[in-house]
N, C-alpha and C. Protein backbone atom coordinates (compact mmCIF):
# COMPACT_ATOMS: atom_id res chain seq x y z
N MET A 1 30.95 37.31 -85.01
CA MET A 1 31.60 38.46 -84.39
C MET A 1 31.64 39.63 -86.22
N ALA A 2 30.68 40.74 -85.73
CA ALA A 2 30.25 41.17 -87.05
C ALA A 2 31.71 41.35 -87.83
N PRO A 3 31.96 40.75 -89.36
CA PRO A 3 33.14 41.35 -90.41
C PRO A 3 33.10 42.76 -90.34
N HIS A 4 34.63 43.03 -90.41
CA HIS A 4 33.98 44.79 -90.75
C HIS A 4 34.97 44.98 -92.42
N PRO A 5 34.94 46.53 -92.20
CA PRO A 5 34.62 46.63 -93.63
C PRO A 5 35.73 45.79 -94.87
N LEU A 6 36.73 46.16 -93.64
CA LEU A 6 38.07 45.66 -94.48
C LEU A 6 38.98 45.26 -93.56
N THR A 7 38.72 44.01 -93.73
CA THR A 7 40.29 43.12 -91.99
C THR A 7 41.11 42.08 -92.97
N VAL A 8 41.82 42.11 -92.98
CA VAL A 8 43.42 41.26 -93.63
C VAL A 8 43.95 40.64 -92.66
N GLY A 9 44.18 39.60 -92.93
CA GLY A 9 44.87 39.09 -92.15
C GLY A 9 46.53 38.77 -92.86
N PHE A 10 47.38 38.46 -91.74
CA PHE A 10 49.02 38.14 -92.38
C PHE A 10 49.02 37.07 -91.45
N ASP A 11 50.37 35.88 -92.23
CA ASP A 11 50.72 34.86 -92.02
C ASP A 11 51.76 35.48 -91.22
N LEU A 12 52.85 35.06 -90.02
CA LEU A 12 53.81 35.79 -89.31
C LEU A 12 54.93 35.58 -89.95
N ASP A 13 55.18 34.34 -89.84
CA ASP A 13 57.16 34.02 -90.16
C ASP A 13 56.79 34.00 -91.52
N MET A 14 57.99 34.48 -92.32
CA MET A 14 58.35 34.76 -93.51
C MET A 14 57.35 35.31 -94.14
N THR A 15 56.30 35.98 -93.15
CA THR A 15 54.86 37.06 -94.35
C THR A 15 55.65 38.35 -93.95
N LEU A 16 55.10 38.24 -92.30
CA LEU A 16 56.21 39.84 -91.40
C LEU A 16 57.28 39.52 -90.77
N ILE A 17 58.16 38.14 -90.25
CA ILE A 17 58.84 38.36 -89.98
C ILE A 17 59.81 37.24 -89.99
N ASP A 18 61.51 37.83 -90.54
CA ASP A 18 62.36 37.26 -90.86
C ASP A 18 62.67 36.12 -89.67
N SER A 19 61.96 34.68 -89.32
CA SER A 19 62.30 35.37 -88.29
C SER A 19 63.46 33.44 -87.46
N ARG A 20 64.23 33.15 -89.01
CA ARG A 20 65.18 32.28 -89.36
C ARG A 20 66.50 32.57 -88.39
N PRO A 21 66.98 34.35 -88.29
CA PRO A 21 68.02 33.59 -87.16
C PRO A 21 67.79 33.16 -85.97
N GLY A 22 66.42 33.54 -85.07
CA GLY A 22 66.00 33.12 -83.71
C GLY A 22 66.05 31.92 -83.88
N ILE A 23 64.94 31.77 -84.47
CA ILE A 23 64.90 29.90 -84.47
C ILE A 23 66.19 29.02 -84.71
N LYS A 24 66.85 29.46 -85.76
CA LYS A 24 67.71 28.79 -85.08
C LYS A 24 68.79 29.06 -84.92
N ALA A 25 68.70 29.92 -83.83
CA ALA A 25 69.51 29.85 -82.08
C ALA A 25 68.33 29.33 -81.17
N ALA A 26 67.22 28.86 -81.40
CA ALA A 26 66.15 28.39 -80.55
C ALA A 26 66.50 26.88 -80.64
N TYR A 27 67.28 26.47 -82.16
CA TYR A 27 67.38 25.22 -82.27
C TYR A 27 68.52 24.61 -81.85
N GLU A 28 69.63 25.55 -81.44
CA GLU A 28 70.38 25.11 -81.11
C GLU A 28 70.40 25.10 -79.43
N ALA A 29 69.80 25.82 -79.07
CA ALA A 29 69.59 25.53 -77.99
C ALA A 29 69.05 24.07 -77.29
N LEU A 30 67.87 23.88 -77.87
CA LEU A 30 66.93 22.88 -77.55
C LEU A 30 68.62 21.88 -77.39
N ALA A 31 68.65 21.41 -78.84
CA ALA A 31 69.86 20.36 -79.37
C ALA A 31 70.55 20.17 -78.02
N ALA A 32 71.44 21.46 -77.44
CA ALA A 32 71.64 21.51 -76.07
C ALA A 32 71.55 21.49 -74.81
N ARG A 33 70.11 21.44 -75.00
CA ARG A 33 69.52 21.36 -73.47
C ARG A 33 69.18 18.92 -73.53
N THR A 34 68.63 18.90 -75.02
CA THR A 34 68.49 17.42 -74.88
C THR A 34 69.60 16.65 -75.23
N GLY A 35 70.55 16.93 -75.54
CA GLY A 35 71.87 16.48 -76.29
C GLY A 35 71.09 15.80 -77.41
N THR A 36 70.59 16.34 -78.20
CA THR A 36 70.06 15.29 -79.27
C THR A 36 70.61 16.59 -80.66
N TYR A 37 71.14 15.75 -81.76
CA TYR A 37 71.94 16.48 -82.54
C TYR A 37 70.04 17.10 -83.52
N ILE A 38 69.65 18.97 -84.03
CA ILE A 38 69.31 19.41 -85.01
C ILE A 38 69.95 20.19 -85.86
N ASP A 39 69.35 19.65 -87.07
CA ASP A 39 70.20 20.46 -87.85
C ASP A 39 69.81 21.61 -87.91
N ALA A 40 69.65 22.98 -87.71
CA ALA A 40 69.09 23.94 -87.38
C ALA A 40 68.98 24.72 -88.31
N ALA A 41 69.98 24.58 -89.25
CA ALA A 41 70.32 25.26 -90.61
C ALA A 41 68.91 24.77 -91.42
N ALA A 42 69.30 23.67 -91.90
CA ALA A 42 68.35 23.29 -92.37
C ALA A 42 66.56 23.55 -91.41
N ALA A 43 66.44 23.59 -90.80
CA ALA A 43 64.99 23.34 -90.10
C ALA A 43 64.68 24.79 -90.72
N VAL A 44 65.67 26.18 -90.66
CA VAL A 44 64.56 26.93 -90.66
C VAL A 44 64.41 27.28 -92.61
N THR A 45 64.69 26.30 -93.34
CA THR A 45 64.25 26.34 -94.36
C THR A 45 63.24 26.03 -94.72
N ARG A 46 62.38 25.43 -93.65
CA ARG A 46 61.54 24.50 -93.86
C ARG A 46 60.45 25.58 -92.78
N LEU A 47 60.27 26.92 -92.23
CA LEU A 47 59.01 27.48 -91.75
C LEU A 47 57.65 27.40 -92.52
N GLY A 48 57.10 27.38 -91.54
CA GLY A 48 55.56 27.67 -91.97
C GLY A 48 54.51 26.23 -91.48
N PRO A 49 54.81 25.47 -91.72
CA PRO A 49 53.96 24.23 -91.22
C PRO A 49 54.19 23.88 -89.41
N PRO A 50 53.35 24.05 -88.50
CA PRO A 50 54.04 23.16 -86.80
C PRO A 50 55.22 23.03 -86.86
N LEU A 51 55.18 23.71 -85.18
CA LEU A 51 56.42 23.08 -84.78
C LEU A 51 56.45 21.47 -84.54
N GLU A 52 55.67 20.66 -84.60
CA GLU A 52 55.03 19.42 -84.45
C GLU A 52 56.13 18.49 -85.61
N GLU A 53 56.39 19.51 -86.52
CA GLU A 53 56.35 18.54 -87.68
C GLU A 53 57.87 18.46 -87.80
N GLU A 54 58.84 19.38 -87.80
CA GLU A 54 60.13 19.76 -87.55
C GLU A 54 60.74 18.61 -86.45
N ILE A 55 59.92 18.63 -84.87
CA ILE A 55 60.26 17.89 -83.61
C ILE A 55 60.38 16.33 -84.04
N ARG A 56 59.47 16.36 -84.97
CA ARG A 56 59.65 15.04 -85.59
C ARG A 56 60.84 14.37 -86.46
N ARG A 57 61.33 15.68 -86.93
CA ARG A 57 61.99 14.49 -87.79
C ARG A 57 63.90 14.02 -86.74
N TRP A 58 63.74 14.73 -85.37
CA TRP A 58 64.90 14.49 -85.05
C TRP A 58 64.67 13.96 -83.04
N PHE A 59 62.82 13.93 -83.42
CA PHE A 59 62.74 12.79 -81.72
C PHE A 59 61.48 11.30 -82.18
N PRO A 60 61.93 10.86 -81.29
CA PRO A 60 60.72 9.71 -81.64
C PRO A 60 59.36 10.21 -81.34
N ALA A 61 58.72 9.80 -81.82
CA ALA A 61 57.33 10.25 -81.82
C ALA A 61 56.63 9.93 -80.65
N GLU A 62 57.18 9.76 -79.98
CA GLU A 62 56.79 9.48 -78.08
C GLU A 62 56.98 10.60 -77.23
N ARG A 63 57.97 11.86 -77.72
CA ARG A 63 58.56 12.54 -76.79
C ARG A 63 57.99 13.35 -77.28
N VAL A 64 57.59 13.68 -78.61
CA VAL A 64 57.32 14.81 -79.68
C VAL A 64 56.22 16.12 -78.64
N ALA A 65 55.34 15.55 -78.51
CA ALA A 65 54.85 17.04 -77.38
C ALA A 65 55.45 17.11 -75.95
N GLU A 66 56.84 16.23 -75.45
CA GLU A 66 56.94 16.96 -74.41
C GLU A 66 58.05 17.83 -74.77
N ILE A 67 59.16 17.47 -76.55
CA ILE A 67 59.99 18.39 -76.80
C ILE A 67 59.55 19.85 -77.42
N SER A 68 58.68 19.85 -78.29
CA SER A 68 58.31 20.79 -78.55
C SER A 68 57.33 22.04 -76.94
N HIS A 69 57.32 21.63 -76.37
CA HIS A 69 56.68 22.23 -75.07
C HIS A 69 58.13 22.78 -74.54
N VAL A 70 59.63 21.42 -74.24
CA VAL A 70 60.78 22.14 -74.29
C VAL A 70 60.91 23.25 -75.59
N TYR A 71 60.85 23.15 -76.59
CA TYR A 71 61.28 24.09 -77.37
C TYR A 71 60.34 25.76 -77.34
N ARG A 72 59.18 25.75 -76.69
CA ARG A 72 58.49 26.62 -76.61
C ARG A 72 59.30 27.23 -75.63
N GLU A 73 59.58 26.82 -74.52
CA GLU A 73 59.79 27.85 -72.87
C GLU A 73 61.06 28.30 -73.07
N LEU A 74 61.69 27.35 -74.14
CA LEU A 74 63.39 27.88 -74.55
C LEU A 74 63.24 29.65 -75.47
N TYR A 75 62.03 29.52 -76.25
CA TYR A 75 62.17 30.25 -77.22
C TYR A 75 61.49 31.67 -77.07
N PRO A 76 61.33 32.33 -75.73
CA PRO A 76 61.70 34.10 -76.05
C PRO A 76 62.48 34.76 -75.78
N ALA A 77 63.51 33.11 -74.33
CA ALA A 77 64.73 33.85 -74.61
C ALA A 77 65.97 33.57 -75.84
N HIS A 78 65.39 32.92 -76.40
CA HIS A 78 66.55 32.45 -77.83
C HIS A 78 66.20 33.28 -79.66
N ALA A 79 65.05 33.17 -79.31
CA ALA A 79 64.70 33.42 -80.70
C ALA A 79 63.77 35.30 -80.75
N VAL A 80 63.34 36.04 -79.71
CA VAL A 80 62.14 36.87 -80.24
C VAL A 80 63.32 38.15 -80.59
N THR A 81 64.73 39.16 -79.96
CA THR A 81 65.84 39.54 -80.28
C THR A 81 66.00 39.50 -81.56
N GLY A 82 66.42 38.06 -81.99
CA GLY A 82 67.57 38.43 -82.43
C GLY A 82 66.01 38.40 -84.52
N THR A 83 65.35 37.87 -84.46
CA THR A 83 63.87 38.52 -85.19
C THR A 83 64.12 39.74 -86.14
N LEU A 84 63.66 39.81 -87.72
CA LEU A 84 63.60 41.06 -87.72
C LEU A 84 62.41 40.83 -88.62
N ALA A 85 62.09 42.43 -88.65
CA ALA A 85 60.67 42.62 -89.66
C ALA A 85 60.79 42.36 -90.77
N MET A 86 59.92 41.77 -91.54
CA MET A 86 60.53 41.63 -93.31
C MET A 86 60.00 42.80 -94.10
N PRO A 87 61.15 43.06 -94.76
CA PRO A 87 60.83 44.84 -95.55
C PRO A 87 59.45 44.94 -96.23
N GLY A 88 58.81 45.97 -95.52
CA GLY A 88 57.83 46.14 -96.06
C GLY A 88 56.61 45.71 -94.72
N ALA A 89 56.65 45.05 -93.89
CA ALA A 89 56.08 44.66 -92.96
C ALA A 89 55.62 45.55 -92.45
N ARG A 90 55.65 46.49 -91.88
CA ARG A 90 55.29 47.46 -90.44
C ARG A 90 54.16 48.06 -91.41
N GLU A 91 54.91 48.49 -92.46
CA GLU A 91 53.87 50.09 -93.89
C GLU A 91 52.52 48.74 -94.78
N ALA A 92 52.61 47.35 -94.30
CA ALA A 92 51.79 46.65 -94.71
C ALA A 92 50.44 46.81 -94.32
N VAL A 93 51.10 46.25 -92.64
CA VAL A 93 50.21 46.82 -91.86
C VAL A 93 49.24 47.95 -91.26
N GLU A 94 50.70 48.94 -92.12
CA GLU A 94 50.21 50.58 -91.84
C GLU A 94 48.83 50.36 -92.55
N ALA A 95 49.31 50.32 -93.84
CA ALA A 95 48.36 50.52 -94.81
C ALA A 95 46.81 50.16 -94.55
N VAL A 96 47.03 48.60 -94.54
CA VAL A 96 45.16 48.59 -94.15
C VAL A 96 45.02 49.55 -92.47
N HIS A 97 45.78 49.87 -91.46
CA HIS A 97 44.74 50.55 -90.93
C HIS A 97 44.63 52.09 -91.54
N ALA A 98 45.41 52.36 -92.37
CA ALA A 98 45.50 54.55 -92.94
C ALA A 98 43.85 53.96 -93.64
N ALA A 99 44.07 52.27 -94.24
CA ALA A 99 42.22 51.79 -95.12
C ALA A 99 41.39 52.24 -94.46
N GLY A 100 41.06 52.34 -93.19
CA GLY A 100 40.14 52.34 -92.17
C GLY A 100 40.35 50.70 -92.25
N GLY A 101 40.76 50.08 -92.13
CA GLY A 101 40.82 48.43 -91.92
C GLY A 101 41.29 47.93 -90.99
N ARG A 102 41.31 46.25 -90.23
CA ARG A 102 42.35 46.01 -89.15
C ARG A 102 42.75 44.98 -89.52
N ALA A 103 43.98 44.78 -89.36
CA ALA A 103 45.04 43.82 -89.51
C ALA A 103 45.17 42.71 -88.34
N VAL A 104 44.97 41.49 -88.80
CA VAL A 104 44.91 40.54 -87.82
C VAL A 104 45.69 39.59 -88.57
N VAL A 105 46.80 38.91 -86.96
CA VAL A 105 47.94 38.05 -87.87
C VAL A 105 47.16 36.64 -87.36
N VAL A 106 47.65 35.85 -88.13
CA VAL A 106 46.97 34.22 -88.35
C VAL A 106 48.02 33.50 -88.08
N THR A 107 48.34 32.80 -87.61
CA THR A 107 49.28 31.66 -87.60
C THR A 107 49.70 30.64 -87.10
N ALA A 108 50.81 29.83 -87.54
CA ALA A 108 50.77 28.12 -86.72
C ALA A 108 51.78 28.47 -85.47
N LYS A 109 53.04 29.67 -85.41
CA LYS A 109 53.10 29.97 -83.99
C LYS A 109 52.69 29.91 -82.93
N TYR A 110 53.01 29.08 -82.02
CA TYR A 110 52.36 29.29 -80.27
C TYR A 110 51.81 30.68 -80.24
N GLU A 111 50.60 30.76 -79.96
CA GLU A 111 50.74 32.22 -79.90
C GLU A 111 50.83 33.71 -78.73
N PRO A 112 51.25 33.32 -77.45
CA PRO A 112 52.03 33.52 -76.92
C PRO A 112 53.47 34.33 -77.43
N ASN A 113 54.43 33.07 -78.01
CA ASN A 113 55.16 33.72 -78.63
C ASN A 113 55.11 34.63 -80.42
N ALA A 114 54.48 34.60 -80.50
CA ALA A 114 53.98 35.11 -81.75
C ALA A 114 53.27 36.51 -81.33
N LYS A 115 53.10 36.95 -79.87
CA LYS A 115 53.04 38.29 -79.36
C LYS A 115 53.89 38.89 -79.56
N LEU A 116 55.32 38.30 -78.82
CA LEU A 116 56.50 38.69 -78.22
C LEU A 116 56.66 39.53 -79.41
N HIS A 117 57.17 38.63 -80.64
CA HIS A 117 57.96 39.32 -81.88
C HIS A 117 56.57 40.32 -82.57
N LEU A 118 55.75 40.44 -82.44
CA LEU A 118 54.46 41.64 -82.90
C LEU A 118 55.25 42.55 -81.27
N THR A 119 55.18 42.62 -80.28
CA THR A 119 55.76 43.62 -79.57
C THR A 119 56.77 44.08 -79.68
N HIS A 120 58.22 43.04 -79.64
CA HIS A 120 59.03 43.26 -79.70
C HIS A 120 59.49 44.08 -81.22
N LEU A 121 58.85 43.75 -82.32
CA LEU A 121 58.96 44.92 -83.19
C LEU A 121 58.29 45.61 -83.70
N GLY A 122 58.07 46.17 -83.12
CA GLY A 122 56.52 47.37 -83.16
C GLY A 122 55.40 47.38 -84.50
N ILE A 123 55.47 45.96 -84.46
CA ILE A 123 53.74 45.43 -85.72
C ILE A 123 52.75 45.35 -84.57
N ALA A 124 51.72 46.66 -85.52
CA ALA A 124 50.62 47.06 -84.53
C ALA A 124 48.89 45.72 -85.09
N ALA A 125 49.04 44.30 -84.91
CA ALA A 125 48.49 43.53 -85.06
C ALA A 125 47.25 44.04 -84.65
N ASP A 126 45.57 44.06 -84.88
CA ASP A 126 44.19 44.17 -83.68
C ASP A 126 43.92 42.85 -83.14
N ALA A 127 44.93 42.06 -83.70
CA ALA A 127 44.32 40.24 -83.50
C ALA A 127 45.43 39.54 -83.68
N VAL A 128 45.52 38.68 -83.23
CA VAL A 128 47.18 37.77 -83.06
C VAL A 128 46.08 36.65 -82.47
N ILE A 129 46.25 35.53 -83.52
CA ILE A 129 45.47 33.89 -83.32
C ILE A 129 46.20 33.14 -84.03
N GLY A 130 47.20 32.39 -82.92
CA GLY A 130 48.18 31.42 -83.38
C GLY A 130 47.78 29.40 -83.19
N SER A 131 48.25 29.15 -83.30
CA SER A 131 48.47 27.23 -82.95
C SER A 131 47.44 26.55 -84.89
N LEU A 132 47.23 27.83 -85.29
CA LEU A 132 46.58 27.58 -86.50
C LEU A 132 47.22 27.15 -88.16
N TRP A 133 47.02 25.96 -88.47
CA TRP A 133 48.07 25.33 -89.81
C TRP A 133 46.82 25.42 -91.17
N ALA A 134 47.55 25.46 -92.44
CA ALA A 134 46.76 25.12 -93.75
C ALA A 134 45.17 26.03 -93.45
N GLU A 135 44.60 25.04 -93.29
CA GLU A 135 43.31 24.85 -93.98
C GLU A 135 41.84 25.45 -93.05
N ALA A 136 42.93 25.28 -92.03
CA ALA A 136 42.65 25.06 -90.54
C ALA A 136 42.49 26.81 -89.55
N LYS A 137 43.86 27.69 -90.47
CA LYS A 137 43.75 28.87 -89.96
C LYS A 137 41.90 29.52 -90.99
N ALA A 138 41.69 28.98 -92.21
CA ALA A 138 39.96 29.39 -91.93
C ALA A 138 39.00 30.00 -90.86
N GLU A 139 39.33 28.78 -90.05
CA GLU A 139 38.68 29.30 -88.49
C GLU A 139 38.09 30.50 -88.01
N ALA A 140 40.21 31.37 -87.76
CA ALA A 140 40.26 32.38 -87.52
C ALA A 140 39.95 33.50 -88.41
N LEU A 141 40.44 33.16 -89.80
CA LEU A 141 39.93 34.33 -90.39
C LEU A 141 38.27 34.44 -91.04
N ARG A 142 37.33 33.30 -90.73
CA ARG A 142 36.02 33.59 -91.08
C ARG A 142 35.56 34.50 -89.89
N GLU A 143 36.50 34.45 -88.75
CA GLU A 143 35.60 34.27 -87.29
C GLU A 143 36.07 36.43 -86.87
N HIS A 144 37.12 36.72 -87.81
CA HIS A 144 36.85 38.07 -87.95
C HIS A 144 36.77 38.70 -89.21
N GLY A 145 36.35 38.38 -90.15
CA GLY A 145 35.64 37.98 -91.61
C GLY A 145 37.04 38.30 -92.20
N ALA A 146 38.00 38.42 -92.15
CA ALA A 146 39.09 38.71 -93.24
C ALA A 146 38.13 38.47 -94.30
N ARG A 147 38.91 39.76 -95.11
CA ARG A 147 38.56 39.60 -96.86
C ARG A 147 39.70 38.81 -97.26
N VAL A 148 40.80 38.55 -97.19
CA VAL A 148 42.31 38.90 -97.64
C VAL A 148 43.03 38.03 -96.68
N TYR A 149 43.47 37.16 -97.15
CA TYR A 149 45.11 36.32 -96.03
C TYR A 149 46.07 36.81 -96.79
N VAL A 150 47.20 37.28 -96.20
CA VAL A 150 48.21 37.17 -97.04
C VAL A 150 49.54 36.62 -96.26
N GLY A 151 49.76 35.60 -96.92
CA GLY A 151 51.03 34.73 -96.45
C GLY A 151 51.98 34.35 -98.26
N ASP A 152 52.66 33.56 -97.62
CA ASP A 152 54.15 32.52 -97.67
C ASP A 152 54.47 31.34 -98.13
N HIS A 153 53.26 30.79 -97.54
CA HIS A 153 53.45 29.35 -98.00
C HIS A 153 51.88 29.10 -98.56
N THR A 154 51.98 27.23 -99.17
CA THR A 154 51.54 26.93 -100.23
C THR A 154 50.00 26.90 -98.72
N GLY A 155 50.41 26.64 -97.84
CA GLY A 155 49.62 26.02 -97.10
C GLY A 155 48.79 27.34 -96.34
N ASP A 156 49.64 28.45 -96.52
CA ASP A 156 48.45 29.87 -96.77
C ASP A 156 48.06 30.12 -97.54
N VAL A 157 48.33 29.87 -98.59
CA VAL A 157 46.95 29.92 -100.14
C VAL A 157 45.61 28.79 -99.24
N ARG A 158 46.54 28.01 -99.56
CA ARG A 158 44.50 27.15 -98.44
C ARG A 158 44.15 27.41 -97.78
N GLY A 159 44.68 28.23 -97.23
CA GLY A 159 43.55 28.28 -95.63
C GLY A 159 43.12 29.44 -96.03
N ALA A 160 43.70 30.77 -97.17
CA ALA A 160 42.69 31.54 -97.48
C ALA A 160 42.06 30.82 -98.41
N ARG A 161 41.73 30.39 -99.35
CA ARG A 161 41.07 29.90 -100.28
C ARG A 161 39.94 28.86 -99.57
N THR A 162 39.90 28.23 -98.28
CA THR A 162 39.17 27.38 -97.21
C THR A 162 38.28 28.47 -96.53
N ALA A 163 38.79 29.66 -96.64
CA ALA A 163 37.85 30.80 -95.79
C ALA A 163 37.03 31.69 -96.31
N GLY A 164 37.53 30.99 -97.93
CA GLY A 164 36.64 32.09 -98.93
C GLY A 164 37.12 33.16 -99.03
N ALA A 165 39.05 34.04 -98.20
CA ALA A 165 39.28 35.27 -99.04
C ALA A 165 40.50 35.28 -100.23
N LEU A 166 40.46 36.34 -99.55
CA LEU A 166 41.22 36.60 -102.04
C LEU A 166 42.22 36.12 -101.19
N SER A 167 43.17 35.44 -101.27
CA SER A 167 44.62 34.68 -101.26
C SER A 167 45.67 35.59 -101.52
N VAL A 168 46.37 36.79 -101.37
CA VAL A 168 47.63 37.29 -101.46
C VAL A 168 48.50 36.33 -101.28
N ALA A 169 49.82 36.31 -101.67
CA ALA A 169 50.93 36.16 -101.75
C ALA A 169 51.77 36.16 -101.69
N VAL A 170 53.06 36.08 -101.01
CA VAL A 170 54.39 36.87 -101.52
C VAL A 170 55.20 35.89 -101.60
N ALA A 171 56.33 36.24 -102.24
CA ALA A 171 57.42 35.35 -102.23
C ALA A 171 58.86 35.25 -101.33
N THR A 172 58.30 34.91 -100.16
CA THR A 172 59.84 35.31 -99.36
C THR A 172 59.61 34.49 -98.71
N GLY A 173 59.18 33.37 -98.65
CA GLY A 173 59.68 31.83 -97.42
C GLY A 173 60.00 30.67 -98.21
N PRO A 174 59.69 29.77 -97.96
CA PRO A 174 59.85 28.15 -98.79
C PRO A 174 59.58 27.94 -99.78
N CYS A 175 58.27 28.74 -100.03
CA CYS A 175 57.53 28.10 -101.34
C CYS A 175 57.71 29.75 -102.55
N ASP A 176 58.18 29.05 -103.96
CA ASP A 176 58.75 29.91 -104.25
C ASP A 176 57.09 30.43 -105.58
N ALA A 177 57.25 31.88 -106.25
CA ALA A 177 56.07 31.49 -106.84
C ALA A 177 55.46 31.22 -107.54
N GLY A 178 56.13 30.13 -108.49
CA GLY A 178 54.96 29.11 -109.00
C GLY A 178 54.95 27.92 -108.27
N GLU A 179 55.02 27.23 -107.43
CA GLU A 179 54.05 26.88 -106.20
C GLU A 179 53.35 27.70 -105.84
N LEU A 180 53.11 28.90 -105.56
CA LEU A 180 52.01 29.45 -104.96
C LEU A 180 51.30 29.78 -106.11
N ARG A 181 51.30 29.77 -106.70
CA ARG A 181 50.49 30.44 -107.92
C ARG A 181 49.98 28.75 -108.50
N ALA A 182 50.30 27.75 -108.18
CA ALA A 182 49.99 26.34 -108.31
C ALA A 182 49.03 26.32 -107.22
N ALA A 183 49.17 26.38 -106.00
CA ALA A 183 47.97 26.36 -105.34
C ALA A 183 46.90 26.89 -104.73
N GLY A 184 47.13 27.94 -106.12
CA GLY A 184 45.69 28.97 -106.39
C GLY A 184 45.81 30.00 -105.47
N ALA A 185 47.34 30.57 -105.81
CA ALA A 185 47.16 32.50 -104.53
C ALA A 185 46.72 32.64 -106.16
N GLN A 186 45.74 34.41 -105.47
CA GLN A 186 45.47 34.83 -106.49
C GLN A 186 46.01 36.17 -106.92
N VAL A 187 46.91 36.49 -106.07
CA VAL A 187 47.39 37.91 -106.25
C VAL A 187 49.33 37.06 -105.56
N LEU A 188 49.65 37.79 -106.64
CA LEU A 188 51.58 37.14 -106.48
C LEU A 188 52.38 38.70 -106.19
N LEU A 189 52.87 38.34 -104.89
CA LEU A 189 53.90 40.16 -105.03
C LEU A 189 54.90 39.60 -104.92
N ASP A 190 56.53 40.30 -105.26
CA ASP A 190 57.39 40.15 -104.30
C ASP A 190 57.69 40.19 -102.87
N ASP A 191 57.08 41.10 -102.60
CA ASP A 191 57.14 41.32 -101.25
C ASP A 191 56.45 42.25 -100.78
N LEU A 192 56.28 42.30 -99.71
CA LEU A 192 55.46 42.97 -98.67
C LEU A 192 55.38 44.93 -98.98
N THR A 193 56.85 44.85 -99.53
CA THR A 193 57.10 46.29 -99.86
C THR A 193 55.68 46.77 -101.23
N ASP A 194 55.59 45.86 -101.81
CA ASP A 194 54.52 45.80 -102.83
C ASP A 194 53.16 45.95 -102.43
N PHE A 195 52.77 45.59 -101.56
CA PHE A 195 51.06 45.72 -100.69
C PHE A 195 51.15 47.03 -100.61
N PRO A 196 51.30 47.69 -100.08
CA PRO A 196 50.70 49.16 -100.16
C PRO A 196 50.02 49.78 -101.01
N SER A 197 50.47 49.72 -102.05
CA SER A 197 50.20 49.64 -103.78
C SER A 197 48.91 48.89 -104.26
N TRP A 198 49.17 47.63 -103.82
CA TRP A 198 48.25 46.84 -104.09
C TRP A 198 47.22 47.24 -103.33
N LEU A 199 46.75 47.14 -101.99
CA LEU A 199 46.67 47.85 -101.36
C LEU A 199 45.49 48.77 -101.90
N ASP A 200 45.60 49.83 -102.43
CA ASP A 200 45.23 51.21 -102.60
C ASP A 200 44.32 50.60 -103.92
N ARG A 201 44.78 49.84 -104.96
CA ARG A 201 43.56 49.13 -106.29
C ARG A 201 42.67 48.53 -105.76
N TYR A 202 43.16 47.30 -104.43
CA TYR A 202 42.26 46.71 -104.44
C TYR A 202 41.09 47.40 -103.69
N VAL A 203 41.11 48.05 -102.43
CA VAL A 203 40.30 48.79 -102.31
C VAL A 203 39.28 50.11 -103.20
N ALA A 204 39.69 50.23 -104.56
CA ALA A 204 39.39 51.01 -105.18
C ALA A 204 38.41 50.34 -106.26
N ASP A 205 38.81 49.12 -106.44
CA ASP A 205 38.26 48.46 -107.11
C ASP A 205 38.66 46.64 -106.48
N PRO A 206 37.30 46.48 -105.62
CA PRO A 206 37.62 44.88 -105.21
C PRO A 206 36.64 43.64 -105.86
N ASP A 207 35.97 44.28 -106.55
CA ASP A 207 35.39 43.20 -107.36
C ASP A 207 36.22 42.72 -108.59
N ARG A 208 37.44 43.71 -108.75
CA ARG A 208 38.67 43.18 -109.57
C ARG A 208 39.30 41.94 -109.41
N TYR A 209 39.36 41.60 -107.96
CA TYR A 209 39.24 39.61 -107.58
C TYR A 209 39.17 39.74 -106.33
N PRO A 210 37.82 38.61 -106.65
CA PRO A 210 36.54 37.77 -106.36
C PRO A 210 37.86 36.85 -105.67
N ALA A 211 37.14 36.57 -104.44
CA ALA A 211 37.85 35.77 -103.59
C ALA A 211 37.69 33.86 -103.68
N GLY A 212 36.08 34.11 -104.89
CA GLY A 212 35.97 32.60 -104.33
C GLY A 212 36.81 31.76 -105.51
N GLY A 213 36.99 32.75 -106.80
CA GLY A 213 38.00 32.03 -107.97
C GLY A 213 39.08 32.82 -108.55
N ALA A 214 38.45 32.39 -109.95
CA ALA A 214 39.86 32.99 -110.63
C ALA A 214 39.66 34.78 -110.60
N ASP A 215 41.35 34.92 -111.04
CA ASP A 215 41.38 36.79 -110.65
C ASP A 215 40.01 37.48 -112.01
N GLY A 216 39.59 38.34 -112.05
CA GLY A 216 38.82 38.84 -112.50
C GLY A 216 39.76 39.52 -114.07
N ASP A 217 41.21 39.37 -113.58
CA ASP A 217 42.19 40.57 -114.24
C ASP A 217 43.16 39.56 -114.50
N GLY A 218 42.65 38.17 -114.83
CA GLY A 218 43.52 37.08 -115.65
C GLY A 218 44.88 37.02 -114.86
N ALA A 219 46.25 36.99 -115.50
CA ALA A 219 47.70 36.61 -115.29
C ALA A 219 47.79 38.28 -114.31
N ARG A 220 47.58 38.68 -115.27
CA ARG A 220 48.21 39.62 -114.39
C ARG A 220 47.55 40.17 -113.17
N ALA A 221 46.32 39.90 -113.02
CA ALA A 221 45.82 39.43 -111.41
C ALA A 221 46.87 39.06 -110.53
N ALA A 222 47.66 38.09 -111.02
CA ALA A 222 48.51 36.99 -109.78
C ALA A 222 49.97 37.48 -109.91
N SER A 223 50.26 38.78 -110.41
CA SER A 223 51.68 39.16 -110.44
C SER A 223 51.46 40.81 -110.22
N ALA A 224 50.55 41.40 -110.11
CA ALA A 224 50.21 43.22 -110.07
C ALA A 224 49.34 42.88 -107.80
């Protein structure tokens, strides 16, 4: 695919959507279905990595694939309507479109369920690519020519850096600002409400934010 002049990638869970209430309900339904205890409240503090990593905490290795399949089947009925848009999520995607760009969602979540969330919440992504985590996200980011990737987890930072995209981190998920910065985030925002104004600055002067290395604006760029 030919690179678009401006393509911005977004993570999903805890970047664009607060899926904690829905995922907690889905884990509770899974526990009821399987008769296995799952600490759903603790599970939703660890969002980001693939589902299978959480399932391994509660089920033997030989059942991980089976139980993950059951969870994904339960998910639409239990997780979608309880999930909220993160503050500024719609406006962030709209800002990309207003700048003449494309917004693509690259997530570790099962792709059909990711699309259900975006449709339910009216977040108009141009493409959705699921089942990719950390460095593997670079595959989709490169395919779509993403120059920027926005996420809340250190795995998102690694994915952006592997793709040669600018890593923009929001401190709205399980990783705090210090962890995100230490992982190599080049721009750090409190949340997506700050993204449209940052995007305006980026579009006006993209050379201020070189994707491949340190910020041209030093410490200010890491928090602006």
